[in-house]
Amino acid sequence: MDMTGVPLREPTFLVLTALAAEPQHGYSVLEDVRRISDNRVRLQAGTLYGILDRLRVDGLIEVDREEVVASRLRRYYRLTVPGRDLLSAETDRLHRNAAAADRRLRQLRLATDTAA
């Protein structure tokens, strides 16, 4: 699926951002998303695994490795090149939008200050 023109939802953006650092397993991604977002985004396990499954099907992440810990399978995920490229494009888009908003806010402040 070509998602390059589609803005990412914040949870998806944060999951990709977490995986940009290094391959991680699900619980580690949950904690990293919480840290990255300064506790604003706290994904539930079901939500996270839905995002991971969709990203994997779309070829944006892949399984890095699996291991068994305390009789449970732990699957590590990593970004693929298309995943990295999508995250980079989305980061650029967000920067451009923030810069445009900042310019408009400065104009508004100037107009408000001169009117007062």
PDB file of N, CA and C in Angstrom:
ATOM      1  N   MET A   1       0.845  -1.183   0.000  1.00  0.00           N
ATOM      2  CA  MET A   1       0.000   0.000   0.000  1.00  0.00           C
ATOM      3  C   MET A   1       0.887   1.243   0.000  1.00  0.00           C
ATOM      4  N   ASP A   2       0.605   2.185  -0.874  1.00  0.00           N
ATOM      5  CA  ASP A   2       1.365   3.435  -0.928  1.00  0.00           C
ATOM      6  C   ASP A   2       0.727   4.440   0.014  1.00  0.00           C
ATOM      7  N   MET A   3       1.400   4.702   1.137  1.00  0.00           N
ATOM      8  CA  MET A   3       0.867   5.625   2.136  1.00  0.00           C
ATOM      9  C   MET A   3       1.610   6.959   2.113  1.00  0.00           C
ATOM     10  N   THR A   4       2.413   7.212   1.090  1.00  0.00           N
ATOM     11  CA  THR A   4       3.253   8.407   1.103  1.00  0.00           C
ATOM     12  C   THR A   4       2.447   9.693   1.086  1.00  0.00           C
ATOM     13  N   GLY A   5       1.258   9.699   0.494  1.00  0.00           N
ATOM     14  CA  GLY A   5       0.458  10.918   0.462  1.00  0.00           C
ATOM     15  C   GLY A   5      -0.552  11.009   1.580  1.00  0.00           C
ATOM     16  N   VAL A   6      -0.601  10.011   2.423  1.00  0.00           N
ATOM     17  CA  VAL A   6      -1.603   9.955   3.485  1.00  0.00           C
ATOM     18  C   VAL A   6      -0.962  10.334   4.810  1.00  0.00           C
ATOM     19  N   PRO A   7      -1.485  11.376   5.483  1.00  0.00           N
ATOM     20  CA  PRO A   7      -0.932  11.694   6.811  1.00  0.00           C
ATOM     21  C   PRO A   7      -1.115  10.504   7.760  1.00  0.00           C
ATOM     22  N   LEU A   8      -0.106  10.241   8.558  1.00  0.00           N
ATOM     23  CA  LEU A   8      -0.180   9.141   9.522  1.00  0.00           C
ATOM     24  C   LEU A   8      -0.931   9.589  10.764  1.00  0.00           C
ATOM     25  N   ARG A   9      -1.669   8.671  11.340  1.00  0.00           N
ATOM     26  CA  ARG A   9      -2.271   8.944  12.648  1.00  0.00           C
ATOM     27  C   ARG A   9      -1.144   8.974  13.672  1.00  0.00           C
ATOM     28  N   GLU A  10      -1.348   9.748  14.718  1.00  0.00           N
ATOM     29  CA  GLU A  10      -0.278   9.918  15.700  1.00  0.00           C
ATOM     30  C   GLU A  10       0.226   8.595  16.276  1.00  0.00           C
ATOM     31  N   PRO A  11      -0.644   7.655  16.673  1.00  0.00           N
ATOM     32  CA  PRO A  11      -0.105   6.397  17.211  1.00  0.00           C
ATOM     33  C   PRO A  11       0.788   5.654  16.212  1.00  0.00           C
ATOM     34  N   THR A  12       0.402   5.644  14.950  1.00  0.00           N
ATOM     35  CA  THR A  12       1.213   4.980  13.928  1.00  0.00           C
ATOM     36  C   THR A  12       2.546   5.694  13.760  1.00  0.00           C
ATOM     37  N   PHE A  13       2.514   7.015  13.714  1.00  0.00           N
ATOM     38  CA  PHE A  13       3.740   7.810  13.616  1.00  0.00           C
ATOM     39  C   PHE A  13       4.670   7.500  14.786  1.00  0.00           C
ATOM     40  N   LEU A  14       4.122   7.413  15.989  1.00  0.00           N
ATOM     41  CA  LEU A  14       4.941   7.159  17.173  1.00  0.00           C
ATOM     42  C   LEU A  14       5.499   5.742  17.189  1.00  0.00           C
ATOM     43  N   VAL A  15       4.739   4.771  16.708  1.00  0.00           N
ATOM     44  CA  VAL A  15       5.248   3.394  16.628  1.00  0.00           C
ATOM     45  C   VAL A  15       6.414   3.339  15.642  1.00  0.00           C
ATOM     46  N   LEU A  16       6.264   3.962  14.486  1.00  0.00           N
ATOM     47  CA  LEU A  16       7.372   3.995  13.527  1.00  0.00           C
ATOM     48  C   LEU A  16       8.579   4.717  14.114  1.00  0.00           C
ATOM     49  N   THR A  17       8.332   5.797  14.840  1.00  0.00           N
ATOM     50  CA  THR A  17       9.420   6.543  15.477  1.00  0.00           C
ATOM     51  C   THR A  17      10.143   5.672  16.497  1.00  0.00           C
ATOM     52  N   ALA A  18       9.387   4.921  17.285  1.00  0.00           N
ATOM     53  CA  ALA A  18       9.998   4.027  18.276  1.00  0.00           C
ATOM     54  C   ALA A  18      10.887   2.999  17.585  1.00  0.00           C
ATOM     55  N   LEU A  19      10.410   2.447  16.487  1.00  0.00           N
ATOM     56  CA  LEU A  19      11.175   1.414  15.789  1.00  0.00           C
ATOM     57  C   LEU A  19      12.340   1.982  14.992  1.00  0.00           C
ATOM     58  N   ALA A  20      12.377   3.290  14.789  1.00  0.00           N
ATOM     59  CA  ALA A  20      13.507   3.903  14.083  1.00  0.00           C
ATOM     60  C   ALA A  20      14.781   3.822  14.912  1.00  0.00           C
ATOM     61  N   ALA A  21      14.649   3.726  16.232  1.00  0.00           N
ATOM     62  CA  ALA A  21      15.827   3.665  17.104  1.00  0.00           C
ATOM     63  C   ALA A  21      16.510   2.303  17.016  1.00  0.00           C
ATOM     64  N   GLU A  22      15.707   1.247  17.080  1.00  0.00           N
ATOM     65  CA  GLU A  22      16.244  -0.114  17.087  1.00  0.00           C
ATOM     66  C   GLU A  22      15.084  -1.091  17.036  1.00  0.00           C
ATOM     67  N   PRO A  23      15.331  -2.353  16.667  1.00  0.00           N
ATOM     68  CA  PRO A  23      14.266  -3.350  16.731  1.00  0.00           C
ATOM     69  C   PRO A  23      13.770  -3.484  18.175  1.00  0.00           C
ATOM     70  N   GLN A  24      12.464  -3.617  18.324  1.00  0.00           N
ATOM     71  CA  GLN A  24      11.872  -3.725  19.659  1.00  0.00           C
ATOM     72  C   GLN A  24      10.725  -4.722  19.641  1.00  0.00           C
ATOM     73  N   HIS A  25      10.437  -5.298  20.801  1.00  0.00           N
ATOM     74  CA  HIS A  25       9.264  -6.160  20.959  1.00  0.00           C
ATOM     75  C   HIS A  25       8.094  -5.296  21.422  1.00  0.00           C
ATOM     76  N   GLY A  26       6.911  -5.875  21.411  1.00  0.00           N
ATOM     77  CA  GLY A  26       5.689  -5.125  21.671  1.00  0.00           C
ATOM     78  C   GLY A  26       5.681  -4.292  22.931  1.00  0.00           C
ATOM     79  N   TYR A  27       6.002  -4.896  24.069  1.00  0.00           N
ATOM     80  CA  TYR A  27       5.945  -4.143  25.325  1.00  0.00           C
ATOM     81  C   TYR A  27       6.944  -2.988  25.305  1.00  0.00           C
ATOM     82  N   SER A  28       8.096  -3.214  24.726  1.00  0.00           N
ATOM     83  CA  SER A  28       9.103  -2.160  24.617  1.00  0.00           C
ATOM     84  C   SER A  28       8.588  -1.012  23.751  1.00  0.00           C
ATOM     85  N   VAL A  29       7.885  -1.336  22.666  1.00  0.00           N
ATOM     86  CA  VAL A  29       7.297  -0.296  21.814  1.00  0.00           C
ATOM     87  C   VAL A  29       6.268   0.497  22.607  1.00  0.00           C
ATOM     88  N   LEU A  30       5.418  -0.192  23.383  1.00  0.00           N
ATOM     89  CA  LEU A  30       4.421   0.504  24.220  1.00  0.00           C
ATOM     90  C   LEU A  30       5.086   1.526  25.128  1.00  0.00           C
ATOM     91  N   GLU A  31       6.139   1.109  25.794  1.00  0.00           N
ATOM     92  CA  GLU A  31       6.844   1.999  26.724  1.00  0.00           C
ATOM     93  C   GLU A  31       7.547   3.135  25.987  1.00  0.00           C
ATOM     94  N   ASP A  32       8.135   2.838  24.847  1.00  0.00           N
ATOM     95  CA  ASP A  32       8.842   3.860  24.082  1.00  0.00           C
ATOM     96  C   ASP A  32       7.866   4.911  23.549  1.00  0.00           C
ATOM     97  N   VAL A  33       6.714   4.484  23.058  1.00  0.00           N
ATOM     98  CA  VAL A  33       5.691   5.426  22.585  1.00  0.00           C
ATOM     99  C   VAL A  33       5.265   6.341  23.725  1.00  0.00           C
ATOM    100  N   ARG A  34       5.093   5.779  24.905  1.00  0.00           N
ATOM    101  CA  ARG A  34       4.727   6.587  26.074  1.00  0.00           C
ATOM    102  C   ARG A  34       5.806   7.629  26.349  1.00  0.00           C
ATOM    103  N   ARG A  35       7.075   7.214  26.313  1.00  0.00           N
ATOM    104  CA  ARG A  35       8.188   8.150  26.568  1.00  0.00           C
ATOM    105  C   ARG A  35       8.285   9.222  25.486  1.00  0.00           C
ATOM    106  N   ILE A  36       8.237   8.794  24.239  1.00  0.00           N
ATOM    107  CA  ILE A  36       8.355   9.733  23.118  1.00  0.00           C
ATOM    108  C   ILE A  36       7.273  10.803  23.192  1.00  0.00           C
ATOM    109  N   SER A  37       6.077  10.403  23.589  1.00  0.00           N
ATOM    110  CA  SER A  37       4.939  11.330  23.609  1.00  0.00           C
ATOM    111  C   SER A  37       4.795  12.057  24.943  1.00  0.00           C
ATOM    112  N   ASP A  38       5.777  11.946  25.821  1.00  0.00           N
ATOM    113  CA  ASP A  38       5.693  12.570  27.155  1.00  0.00           C
ATOM    114  C   ASP A  38       4.415  12.164  27.882  1.00  0.00           C
ATOM    115  N   ASN A  39       4.086  10.886  27.813  1.00  0.00           N
ATOM    116  CA  ASN A  39       2.923  10.281  28.478  1.00  0.00           C
ATOM    117  C   ASN A  39       1.576  10.687  27.891  1.00  0.00           C
ATOM    118  N   ARG A  40       1.554  11.375  26.755  1.00  0.00           N
ATOM    119  CA  ARG A  40       0.278  11.751  26.143  1.00  0.00           C
ATOM    120  C   ARG A  40      -0.398  10.556  25.477  1.00  0.00           C
ATOM    121  N   VAL A  41       0.399   9.675  24.881  1.00  0.00           N
ATOM    122  CA  VAL A  41      -0.147   8.524  24.160  1.00  0.00           C
ATOM    123  C   VAL A  41       0.235   7.264  24.915  1.00  0.00           C
ATOM    124  N   ARG A  42      -0.793   6.566  25.380  1.00  0.00           N
ATOM    125  CA  ARG A  42      -0.604   5.310  26.105  1.00  0.00           C
ATOM    126  C   ARG A  42      -1.425   4.248  25.389  1.00  0.00           C
ATOM    127  N   LEU A  43      -0.765   3.551  24.486  1.00  0.00           N
ATOM    128  CA  LEU A  43      -1.456   2.554  23.676  1.00  0.00           C
ATOM    129  C   LEU A  43      -1.818   1.326  24.497  1.00  0.00           C
ATOM    130  N   GLN A  44      -2.965   0.774  24.208  1.00  0.00           N
ATOM    131  CA  GLN A  44      -3.349  -0.520  24.759  1.00  0.00           C
ATOM    132  C   GLN A  44      -2.713  -1.601  23.878  1.00  0.00           C
ATOM    133  N   ALA A  45      -2.497  -2.762  24.446  1.00  0.00           N
ATOM    134  CA  ALA A  45      -1.831  -3.841  23.707  1.00  0.00           C
ATOM    135  C   ALA A  45      -2.570  -4.179  22.417  1.00  0.00           C
ATOM    136  N   GLY A  46      -3.885  -4.277  22.471  1.00  0.00           N
ATOM    137  CA  GLY A  46      -4.656  -4.609  21.270  1.00  0.00           C
ATOM    138  C   GLY A  46      -4.493  -3.576  20.168  1.00  0.00           C
ATOM    139  N   THR A  47      -4.466  -2.312  20.552  1.00  0.00           N
ATOM    140  CA  THR A  47      -4.261  -1.231  19.584  1.00  0.00           C
ATOM    141  C   THR A  47      -2.873  -1.335  18.966  1.00  0.00           C
ATOM    142  N   LEU A  48      -1.869  -1.548  19.811  1.00  0.00           N
ATOM    143  CA  LEU A  48      -0.497  -1.661  19.308  1.00  0.00           C
ATOM    144  C   LEU A  48      -0.372  -2.810  18.320  1.00  0.00           C
ATOM    145  N   TYR A  49      -0.884  -3.988  18.674  1.00  0.00           N
ATOM    146  CA  TYR A  49      -0.706  -5.135  17.793  1.00  0.00           C
ATOM    147  C   TYR A  49      -1.495  -4.978  16.499  1.00  0.00           C
ATOM    148  N   GLY A  50      -2.604  -4.250  16.538  1.00  0.00           N
ATOM    149  CA  GLY A  50      -3.317  -3.914  15.306  1.00  0.00           C
ATOM    150  C   GLY A  50      -2.465  -3.036  14.403  1.00  0.00           C
ATOM    151  N   ILE A  51      -1.808  -2.036  15.001  1.00  0.00           N
ATOM    152  CA  ILE A  51      -0.916  -1.150  14.240  1.00  0.00           C
ATOM    153  C   ILE A  51       0.258  -1.946  13.676  1.00  0.00           C
ATOM    154  N   LEU A  52       0.880  -2.776  14.521  1.00  0.00           N
ATOM    155  CA  LEU A  52       2.028  -3.572  14.065  1.00  0.00           C
ATOM    156  C   LEU A  52       1.635  -4.498  12.916  1.00  0.00           C
ATOM    157  N   ASP A  53       0.479  -5.151  13.033  1.00  0.00           N
ATOM    158  CA  ASP A  53       0.031  -6.056  11.966  1.00  0.00           C
ATOM    159  C   ASP A  53      -0.175  -5.299  10.661  1.00  0.00           C
ATOM    160  N   ARG A  54      -0.822  -4.134  10.729  1.00  0.00           N
ATOM    161  CA  ARG A  54      -1.078  -3.343   9.528  1.00  0.00           C
ATOM    162  C   ARG A  54       0.231  -2.864   8.897  1.00  0.00           C
ATOM    163  N   LEU A  55       1.149  -2.385   9.742  1.00  0.00           N
ATOM    164  CA  LEU A  55       2.444  -1.917   9.229  1.00  0.00           C
ATOM    165  C   LEU A  55       3.233  -3.059   8.587  1.00  0.00           C
ATOM    166  N   ARG A  56       3.123  -4.250   9.171  1.00  0.00           N
ATOM    167  CA  ARG A  56       3.828  -5.410   8.614  1.00  0.00           C
ATOM    168  C   ARG A  56       3.225  -5.809   7.265  1.00  0.00           C
ATOM    169  N   VAL A  57       1.900  -5.872   7.200  1.00  0.00           N
ATOM    170  CA  VAL A  57       1.229  -6.209   5.938  1.00  0.00           C
ATOM    171  C   VAL A  57       1.568  -5.184   4.855  1.00  0.00           C
ATOM    172  N   ASP A  58       1.674  -3.918   5.245  1.00  0.00           N
ATOM    173  CA  ASP A  58       1.994  -2.841   4.294  1.00  0.00           C
ATOM    174  C   ASP A  58       3.478  -2.787   3.939  1.00  0.00           C
ATOM    175  N   GLY A  59       4.295  -3.653   4.555  1.00  0.00           N
ATOM    176  CA  GLY A  59       5.717  -3.704   4.238  1.00  0.00           C
ATOM    177  C   GLY A  59       6.538  -2.589   4.862  1.00  0.00           C
ATOM    178  N   LEU A  60       5.991  -1.924   5.879  1.00  0.00           N
ATOM    179  CA  LEU A  60       6.690  -0.805   6.513  1.00  0.00           C
ATOM    180  C   LEU A  60       7.552  -1.249   7.689  1.00  0.00           C
ATOM    181  N   ILE A  61       7.217  -2.401   8.263  1.00  0.00           N
ATOM    182  CA  ILE A  61       8.042  -3.030   9.294  1.00  0.00           C
ATOM    183  C   ILE A  61       8.119  -4.512   8.968  1.00  0.00           C
ATOM    184  N   GLU A  62       9.059  -5.187   9.615  1.00  0.00           N
ATOM    185  CA  GLU A  62       9.168  -6.634   9.457  1.00  0.00           C
ATOM    186  C   GLU A  62       9.649  -7.231  10.773  1.00  0.00           C
ATOM    187  N   VAL A  63       9.452  -8.531  10.899  1.00  0.00           N
ATOM    188  CA  VAL A  63       9.939  -9.220  12.090  1.00  0.00           C
ATOM    189  C   VAL A  63      11.458  -9.298  12.002  1.00  0.00           C
ATOM    190  N   ASP A  64      12.117  -8.848  13.054  1.00  0.00           N
ATOM    191  CA  ASP A  64      13.579  -8.887  13.132  1.00  0.00           C
ATOM    192  C   ASP A  64      14.033 -10.241  13.655  1.00  0.00           C
ATOM    193  N   ARG A  65      13.396 -10.670  14.742  1.00  0.00           N
ATOM    194  CA  ARG A  65      13.724 -11.964  15.342  1.00  0.00           C
ATOM    195  C   ARG A  65      12.640 -12.321  16.353  1.00  0.00           C
ATOM    196  N   GLU A  66      12.659 -13.565  16.784  1.00  0.00           N
ATOM    197  CA  GLU A  66      11.739 -14.038  17.816  1.00  0.00           C
ATOM    198  C   GLU A  66      12.542 -14.779  18.863  1.00  0.00           C
ATOM    199  N   GLU A  67      12.074 -14.696  20.093  1.00  0.00           N
ATOM    200  CA  GLU A  67      12.696 -15.457  21.174  1.00  0.00           C
ATOM    201  C   GLU A  67      11.608 -15.840  22.168  1.00  0.00           C
ATOM    202  N   VAL A  68      11.878 -16.877  22.921  1.00  0.00           N
ATOM    203  CA  VAL A  68      10.941 -17.303  23.953  1.00  0.00           C
ATOM    204  C   VAL A  68      11.483 -16.838  25.295  1.00  0.00           C
ATOM    205  N   VAL A  69      10.649 -16.091  26.017  1.00  0.00           N
ATOM    206  CA  VAL A  69      11.009 -15.566  27.336  1.00  0.00           C
ATOM    207  C   VAL A  69       9.890 -15.959  28.288  1.00  0.00           C
ATOM    208  N   ALA A  70      10.240 -16.676  29.347  1.00  0.00           N
ATOM    209  CA  ALA A  70       9.248 -17.141  30.329  1.00  0.00           C
ATOM    210  C   ALA A  70       8.102 -17.875  29.628  1.00  0.00           C
ATOM    211  N   SER A  71       8.445 -18.766  28.722  1.00  0.00           N
ATOM    212  CA  SER A  71       7.493 -19.596  27.976  1.00  0.00           C
ATOM    213  C   SER A  71       6.571 -18.798  27.057  1.00  0.00           C
ATOM    214  N   ARG A  72       6.904 -17.556  26.771  1.00  0.00           N
ATOM    215  CA  ARG A  72       6.089 -16.733  25.872  1.00  0.00           C
ATOM    216  C   ARG A  72       6.950 -16.258  24.705  1.00  0.00           C
ATOM    217  N   LEU A  73       6.331 -16.237  23.531  1.00  0.00           N
ATOM    218  CA  LEU A  73       7.029 -15.778  22.341  1.00  0.00           C
ATOM    219  C   LEU A  73       7.158 -14.258  22.371  1.00  0.00           C
ATOM    220  N   ARG A  74       8.356 -13.781  22.182  1.00  0.00           N
ATOM    221  CA  ARG A  74       8.612 -12.339  22.093  1.00  0.00           C
ATOM    222  C   ARG A  74       9.105 -12.066  20.671  1.00  0.00           C
ATOM    223  N   ARG A  75       8.330 -11.264  19.948  1.00  0.00           N
ATOM    224  CA  ARG A  75       8.649 -10.947  18.554  1.00  0.00           C
ATOM    225  C   ARG A  75       9.181  -9.518  18.481  1.00  0.00           C
ATOM    226  N   TYR A  76      10.345  -9.366  17.866  1.00  0.00           N
ATOM    227  CA  TYR A  76      10.962  -8.047  17.680  1.00  0.00           C
ATOM    228  C   TYR A  76      10.670  -7.565  16.261  1.00  0.00           C
ATOM    229  N   TYR A  77      10.334  -6.289  16.155  1.00  0.00           N
ATOM    230  CA  TYR A  77      10.028  -5.671  14.862  1.00  0.00           C
ATOM    231  C   TYR A  77      11.076  -4.617  14.533  1.00  0.00           C
ATOM    232  N   ARG A  78      11.284  -4.394  13.239  1.00  0.00           N
ATOM    233  CA  ARG A  78      12.195  -3.333  12.799  1.00  0.00           C
ATOM    234  C   ARG A  78      11.584  -2.636  11.584  1.00  0.00           C
ATOM    235  N   LEU A  79      12.029  -1.407  11.369  1.00  0.00           N
ATOM    236  CA  LEU A  79      11.602  -0.652  10.187  1.00  0.00           C
ATOM    237  C   LEU A  79      12.208  -1.264   8.934  1.00  0.00           C
ATOM    238  N   THR A  80      11.461  -1.235   7.862  1.00  0.00           N
ATOM    239  CA  THR A  80      12.004  -1.563   6.546  1.00  0.00           C
ATOM    240  C   THR A  80      12.432  -0.248   5.890  1.00  0.00           C
ATOM    241  N   VAL A  81      13.072  -0.340   4.750  1.00  0.00           N
ATOM    242  CA  VAL A  81      13.452   0.880   4.020  1.00  0.00           C
ATOM    243  C   VAL A  81      12.201   1.695   3.661  1.00  0.00           C
ATOM    244  N   PRO A  82      11.124   1.072   3.146  1.00  0.00           N
ATOM    245  CA  PRO A  82       9.918   1.873   2.892  1.00  0.00           C
ATOM    246  C   PRO A  82       9.341   2.493   4.177  1.00  0.00           C
ATOM    247  N   GLY A  83       9.452   1.792   5.291  1.00  0.00           N
ATOM    248  CA  GLY A  83       8.991   2.351   6.563  1.00  0.00           C
ATOM    249  C   GLY A  83       9.806   3.555   6.976  1.00  0.00           C
ATOM    250  N   ARG A  84      11.110   3.451   6.810  1.00  0.00           N
ATOM    251  CA  ARG A  84      11.992   4.586   7.120  1.00  0.00           C
ATOM    252  C   ARG A  84      11.680   5.769   6.214  1.00  0.00           C
ATOM    253  N   ASP A  85      11.481   5.486   4.933  1.00  0.00           N
ATOM    254  CA  ASP A  85      11.186   6.557   3.978  1.00  0.00           C
ATOM    255  C   ASP A  85       9.852   7.228   4.293  1.00  0.00           C
ATOM    256  N   LEU A  86       8.856   6.431   4.664  1.00  0.00           N
ATOM    257  CA  LEU A  86       7.554   6.998   5.018  1.00  0.00           C
ATOM    258  C   LEU A  86       7.662   7.860   6.273  1.00  0.00           C
ATOM    259  N   LEU A  87       8.381   7.380   7.276  1.00  0.00           N
ATOM    260  CA  LEU A  87       8.561   8.160   8.505  1.00  0.00           C
ATOM    261  C   LEU A  87       9.279   9.466   8.199  1.00  0.00           C
ATOM    262  N   SER A  88      10.279   9.412   7.351  1.00  0.00           N
ATOM    263  CA  SER A  88      11.010  10.616   6.969  1.00  0.00           C
ATOM    264  C   SER A  88      10.101  11.602   6.232  1.00  0.00           C
ATOM    265  N   ALA A  89       9.304  11.104   5.295  1.00  0.00           N
ATOM    266  CA  ALA A  89       8.387  11.967   4.542  1.00  0.00           C
ATOM    267  C   ALA A  89       7.343  12.587   5.464  1.00  0.00           C
ATOM    268  N   GLU A  90       6.831  11.805   6.394  1.00  0.00           N
ATOM    269  CA  GLU A  90       5.826  12.323   7.328  1.00  0.00           C
ATOM    270  C   GLU A  90       6.440  13.356   8.261  1.00  0.00           C
ATOM    271  N   THR A  91       7.671  13.126   8.691  1.00  0.00           N
ATOM    272  CA  THR A  91       8.365  14.097   9.542  1.00  0.00           C
ATOM    273  C   THR A  91       8.555  15.409   8.788  1.00  0.00           C
ATOM    274  N   ASP A  92       8.955  15.326   7.534  1.00  0.00           N
ATOM    275  CA  ASP A  92       9.101  16.533   6.708  1.00  0.00           C
ATOM    276  C   ASP A  92       7.766  17.261   6.568  1.00  0.00           C
ATOM    277  N   ARG A  93       6.689  16.517   6.318  1.00  0.00           N
ATOM    278  CA  ARG A  93       5.360  17.117   6.181  1.00  0.00           C
ATOM    279  C   ARG A  93       4.961  17.845   7.456  1.00  0.00           C
ATOM    280  N   LEU A  94       5.184  17.205   8.599  1.00  0.00           N
ATOM    281  CA  LEU A  94       4.832  17.828   9.879  1.00  0.00           C
ATOM    282  C   LEU A  94       5.655  19.092  10.127  1.00  0.00           C
ATOM    283  N   HIS A  95       6.944  19.049   9.782  1.00  0.00           N
ATOM    284  CA  HIS A  95       7.796  20.241   9.927  1.00  0.00           C
ATOM    285  C   HIS A  95       7.280  21.388   9.058  1.00  0.00           C
ATOM    286  N   ARG A  96       6.916  21.084   7.809  1.00  0.00           N
ATOM    287  CA  ARG A  96       6.400  22.130   6.921  1.00  0.00           C
ATOM    288  C   ARG A  96       5.099  22.718   7.461  1.00  0.00           C
ATOM    289  N   ASN A  97       4.205  21.863   7.947  1.00  0.00           N
ATOM    290  CA  ASN A  97       2.946  22.349   8.511  1.00  0.00           C
ATOM    291  C   ASN A  97       3.183  23.201   9.750  1.00  0.00           C
ATOM    292  N   ALA A  98       4.092  22.768  10.609  1.00  0.00           N
ATOM    293  CA  ALA A  98       4.393  23.541  11.820  1.00  0.00           C
ATOM    294  C   ALA A  98       5.008  24.887  11.455  1.00  0.00           C
ATOM    295  N   ALA A  99       5.879  24.908  10.451  1.00  0.00           N
ATOM    296  CA  ALA A  99       6.495  26.168  10.022  1.00  0.00           C
ATOM    297  C   ALA A  99       5.443  27.115   9.457  1.00  0.00           C
ATOM    298  N   ALA A 100       4.504  26.593   8.680  1.00  0.00           N
ATOM    299  CA  ALA A 100       3.433  27.429   8.128  1.00  0.00           C
ATOM    300  C   ALA A 100       2.565  27.996   9.248  1.00  0.00           C
ATOM    301  N   ALA A 101       2.228  27.165  10.225  1.00  0.00           N
ATOM    302  CA  ALA A 101       1.428  27.638  11.360  1.00  0.00           C
ATOM    303  C   ALA A 101       2.190  28.692  12.147  1.00  0.00           C
ATOM    304  N   ASP A 102       3.479  28.478  12.338  1.00  0.00           N
ATOM    305  CA  ASP A 102       4.299  29.445  13.071  1.00  0.00           C
ATOM    306  C   ASP A 102       4.329  30.795  12.352  1.00  0.00           C
ATOM    307  N   ARG A 103       4.492  30.764  11.029  1.00  0.00           N
ATOM    308  CA  ARG A 103       4.490  32.020  10.257  1.00  0.00           C
ATOM    309  C   ARG A 103       3.163  32.751  10.413  1.00  0.00           C
ATOM    310  N   ARG A 104       2.066  32.018  10.334  1.00  0.00           N
ATOM    311  CA  ARG A 104       0.743  32.633  10.461  1.00  0.00           C
ATOM    312  C   ARG A 104       0.529  33.198  11.862  1.00  0.00           C
ATOM    313  N   LEU A 105       0.983  32.494  12.858  1.00  0.00           N
ATOM    314  CA  LEU A 105       0.839  32.992  14.231  1.00  0.00           C
ATOM    315  C   LEU A 105       1.653  34.258  14.447  1.00  0.00           C
ATOM    316  N   ARG A 106       2.853  34.310  13.871  1.00  0.00           N
ATOM    317  CA  ARG A 106       3.668  35.538  13.975  1.00  0.00           C
ATOM    318  C   ARG A 106       2.956  36.701  13.300  1.00  0.00           C
ATOM    319  N   GLN A 107       2.361  36.456  12.126  1.00  0.00           N
ATOM    320  CA  GLN A 107       1.611  37.507  11.431  1.00  0.00           C
ATOM    321  C   GLN A 107       0.435  37.978  12.282  1.00  0.00           C
ATOM    322  N   LEU A 108      -0.250  37.034  12.892  1.00  0.00           N
ATOM    323  CA  LEU A 108      -1.394  37.374  13.738  1.00  0.00           C
ATOM    324  C   LEU A 108      -0.948  38.203  14.931  1.00  0.00           C
ATOM    325  N   ARG A 109       0.162  37.820  15.544  1.00  0.00           N
ATOM    326  CA  ARG A 109       0.674  38.588  16.687  1.00  0.00           C
ATOM    327  C   ARG A 109       1.032  40.009  16.272  1.00  0.00           C
ATOM    328  N   LEU A 110       1.693  40.137  15.116  1.00  0.00           N
ATOM    329  CA  LEU A 110       2.056  41.471  14.627  1.00  0.00           C
ATOM    330  C   LEU A 110       0.811  42.312  14.370  1.00  0.00           C
ATOM    331  N   ALA A 111      -0.185  41.718  13.735  1.00  0.00           N
ATOM    332  CA  ALA A 111      -1.425  42.444  13.448  1.00  0.00           C
ATOM    333  C   ALA A 111      -2.147  42.818  14.733  1.00  0.00           C
ATOM    334  N   THR A 112      -2.154  41.908  15.690  1.00  0.00           N
ATOM    335  CA  THR A 112      -2.818  42.163  16.969  1.00  0.00           C
ATOM    336  C   THR A 112      -2.071  43.229  17.753  1.00  0.00           C
ATOM    337  N   ASP A 113      -0.738  43.161  17.744  1.00  0.00           N
ATOM    338  CA  ASP A 113       0.069  44.141  18.484  1.00  0.00           C
ATOM    339  C   ASP A 113      -0.068  45.544  17.897  1.00  0.00           C
ATOM    340  N   THR A 114      -0.138  45.664  16.576  1.00  0.00           N
ATOM    341  CA  THR A 114      -0.255  46.995  15.965  1.00  0.00           C
ATOM    342  C   THR A 114      -1.668  47.549  16.092  1.00  0.00           C
ATOM    343  N   ALA A 115      -2.664  46.668  16.227  1.00  0.00           N
ATOM    344  CA  ALA A 115      -4.050  47.122  16.389  1.00  0.00           C
ATOM    345  C   ALA A 115      -4.325  47.571  17.815  1.00  0.00           C
ATOM    346  N   ALA A 116      -3.522  47.119  18.750  1.00  0.00           N
ATOM    347  CA  ALA A 116      -3.773  47.435  20.168  1.00  0.00           C
ATOM    348  C   ALA A 116      -3.228  48.780  20.576  1.00  0.00           C
TER     349      ALA A 116
END
